[in-house]
Amino acid sequence: MILEAAYLLPAAVWTGSMTYSLAVVQPRSARFFRDDDQLEEFLTVLAHGNRWRVLAMAGVLIASATAIIVACPWAGARVVYGIALALDVAATAVFVHVSWRHWPARVFALPEERPDFRRRLRMSARAIWLLVGAGFVLTLTASVGRG
């Protein structure tokens, strides 16, 4: 089904990018940059411009899950995509909080406040990863299970 592919592709991309960020980018950048100001500048440059890409991806997830719920005759798919939709809306809410509350405050944080901001960002990133990843695994399993 095309709608399932329209859901699964961005879900896989978001899950994969969060996995890479949490497992590779964040730990390695923290080890590479010894100067806290340079680390903060690098992380800010890395994050710059991603807000709208992530929101577009979240919009595709939410729209495609909604379309599947409305159009799919299989009741099981409607339940699975309904759960995934709730998970994606929750992940998007966390992302919106990080994007419009956390980052602006972090930009103006004092050097001694940065470790706490980084810790809270990691917690938010893990929450997004778990929410989107759970939706992806759930919908992929359901899609493969139906053949």
Protein backbone atom coordinates (compact mmCIF):
# COMPACT_ATOMS: atom_id res chain seq x y z
CA MET A 1 0.00 0.00 0.00
CA ILE A 2 1.38 3.42 -0.99
CA LEU A 3 0.11 5.07 2.18
CA GLU A 4 2.03 2.59 4.29
CA ALA A 5 5.21 3.37 2.37
CA ALA A 6 4.49 7.09 2.79
CA TYR A 7 4.38 6.47 6.53
CA LEU A 8 7.22 3.97 6.91
CA LEU A 9 9.86 5.89 4.95
CA PRO A 10 9.87 9.09 7.05
CA ALA A 11 9.45 7.01 10.22
CA ALA A 12 12.58 5.05 9.30
CA VAL A 13 14.47 8.24 8.43
CA TRP A 14 13.53 9.98 11.69
CA THR A 15 14.30 6.88 13.78
CA GLY A 16 17.61 6.35 12.00
CA SER A 17 18.70 9.96 12.26
CA MET A 18 17.89 10.04 15.98
CA THR A 19 19.81 6.79 16.47
CA TYR A 20 22.85 8.23 14.67
CA SER A 21 22.68 11.46 16.64
CA LEU A 22 22.41 9.73 20.01
CA ALA A 23 24.91 6.94 19.33
CA VAL A 24 27.54 8.73 17.22
CA VAL A 25 27.27 12.50 16.81
CA GLN A 26 26.64 13.58 20.39
CA PRO A 27 29.22 11.35 22.12
CA ARG A 28 31.94 11.93 19.52
CA SER A 29 31.46 15.67 19.33
CA ALA A 30 31.70 15.87 23.13
CA ARG A 31 34.99 13.96 22.99
CA PHE A 32 36.36 15.94 20.05
CA PHE A 33 35.72 19.47 21.30
CA ARG A 34 37.64 20.14 24.49
CA ASP A 35 36.58 23.79 24.58
CA ASP A 36 32.97 24.16 25.73
CA ASP A 37 32.39 27.29 23.61
CA GLN A 38 33.52 25.43 20.47
CA LEU A 39 31.34 22.43 21.31
CA GLU A 40 28.32 24.65 21.80
CA GLU A 41 29.01 26.53 18.56
CA PHE A 42 29.38 23.24 16.66
CA LEU A 43 26.13 21.83 18.06
CA THR A 44 24.28 25.05 17.22
CA VAL A 45 25.59 25.05 13.64
CA LEU A 46 24.72 21.36 13.30
CA ALA A 47 21.14 21.94 14.47
CA HIS A 48 20.58 25.12 12.46
CA GLY A 49 17.94 24.76 9.75
CA ASN A 50 16.68 21.34 10.80
CA ARG A 51 13.51 22.56 12.52
CA TRP A 52 11.43 22.83 9.34
CA ARG A 53 12.76 19.58 7.86
CA VAL A 54 11.80 17.66 10.98
CA LEU A 55 8.40 19.33 11.17
CA ALA A 56 7.78 18.48 7.50
CA MET A 57 8.70 14.86 8.20
CA ALA A 58 6.43 14.82 11.25
CA GLY A 59 3.64 16.30 9.14
CA VAL A 60 4.01 13.51 6.58
CA LEU A 61 3.89 10.91 9.37
CA ILE A 62 0.80 12.42 10.93
CA ALA A 63 -0.97 12.93 7.58
CA SER A 64 -0.18 9.44 6.25
CA ALA A 65 -1.17 7.73 9.51
CA THR A 66 -4.43 9.68 9.50
CA ALA A 67 -5.06 8.74 5.86
CA ILE A 68 -4.49 5.07 6.63
CA ILE A 69 -6.87 5.22 9.59
CA VAL A 70 -9.55 6.75 7.37
CA ALA A 71 -8.99 4.70 4.20
CA CYS A 72 -7.90 1.25 5.34
CA PRO A 73 -10.61 -1.40 5.48
CA TRP A 74 -8.57 -3.58 7.84
CA ALA A 75 -9.54 -2.76 11.45
CA GLY A 76 -6.20 -3.97 12.78
CA ALA A 77 -4.33 -1.45 10.63
CA ARG A 78 -6.56 1.34 11.89
CA VAL A 79 -5.70 0.41 15.49
CA VAL A 80 -1.97 0.07 14.81
CA TYR A 81 -1.77 3.35 12.90
CA GLY A 82 -3.92 5.03 15.54
CA ILE A 83 -1.35 4.07 18.17
CA ALA A 84 1.47 5.19 15.87
CA LEU A 85 -0.33 8.47 15.26
CA ALA A 86 -0.53 9.13 19.01
CA LEU A 87 3.18 8.29 19.39
CA ASP A 88 4.10 10.60 16.49
CA VAL A 89 2.02 13.48 17.85
CA ALA A 90 3.75 13.04 21.22
CA ALA A 91 7.20 12.98 19.55
CA THR A 92 6.31 16.09 17.57
CA ALA A 93 5.22 17.85 20.77
CA VAL A 94 8.57 17.04 22.38
CA PHE A 95 10.37 18.30 19.27
CA VAL A 96 8.34 21.54 19.26
CA HIS A 97 9.23 22.09 22.91
CA VAL A 98 12.92 21.52 22.21
CA SER A 99 12.84 23.68 19.10
CA TRP A 100 10.97 26.70 20.45
CA ARG A 101 11.73 26.60 24.18
CA HIS A 102 14.90 24.63 24.86
CA TRP A 103 17.18 25.92 22.07
CA PRO A 104 16.39 29.62 22.50
CA ALA A 105 17.08 29.34 26.24
CA ARG A 106 20.22 27.31 25.58
CA VAL A 107 21.64 29.93 23.23
CA PHE A 108 21.60 32.45 26.07
CA ALA A 109 22.67 30.02 28.81
CA LEU A 110 25.71 30.72 30.91
CA PRO A 111 28.64 28.31 30.47
CA GLU A 112 27.92 26.65 33.83
CA GLU A 113 24.29 26.02 32.74
CA ARG A 114 25.23 24.21 29.52
CA PRO A 115 25.73 20.72 30.99
CA ASP A 116 22.17 20.75 32.33
CA PHE A 117 20.83 21.91 28.95
CA ARG A 118 22.75 19.11 27.22
CA ARG A 119 21.41 16.55 29.69
CA ARG A 120 17.83 17.71 29.13
CA LEU A 121 18.36 17.68 25.36
CA ARG A 122 19.61 14.08 25.52
CA MET A 123 16.52 13.13 27.55
CA SER A 124 14.25 14.80 24.98
CA ALA A 125 16.14 13.17 22.10
CA ARG A 126 15.75 9.75 23.72
CA ALA A 127 12.03 10.38 24.20
CA ILE A 128 11.63 11.32 20.53
CA TRP A 129 13.67 8.29 19.49
CA LEU A 130 11.57 5.93 21.62
CA LEU A 131 8.25 7.40 20.48
CA VAL A 132 9.00 7.50 16.76
CA GLY A 133 10.93 4.22 16.88
CA ALA A 134 8.07 2.44 18.62
CA GLY A 135 5.62 3.72 16.02
CA PHE A 136 7.94 2.63 13.22
CA VAL A 137 8.51 -0.88 14.60
CA LEU A 138 4.81 -1.32 15.36
CA THR A 139 3.66 -0.26 11.88
CA LEU A 140 6.44 -2.15 10.09
CA THR A 141 5.57 -5.32 11.98
CA ALA A 142 1.89 -4.90 11.15
CA SER A 143 2.63 -4.19 7.49
CA VAL A 144 4.95 -7.17 7.10
CA GLY A 145 2.60 -9.39 9.08
CA ARG A 146 -0.24 -8.76 6.62
CA GLY A 147 1.98 -9.65 3.69
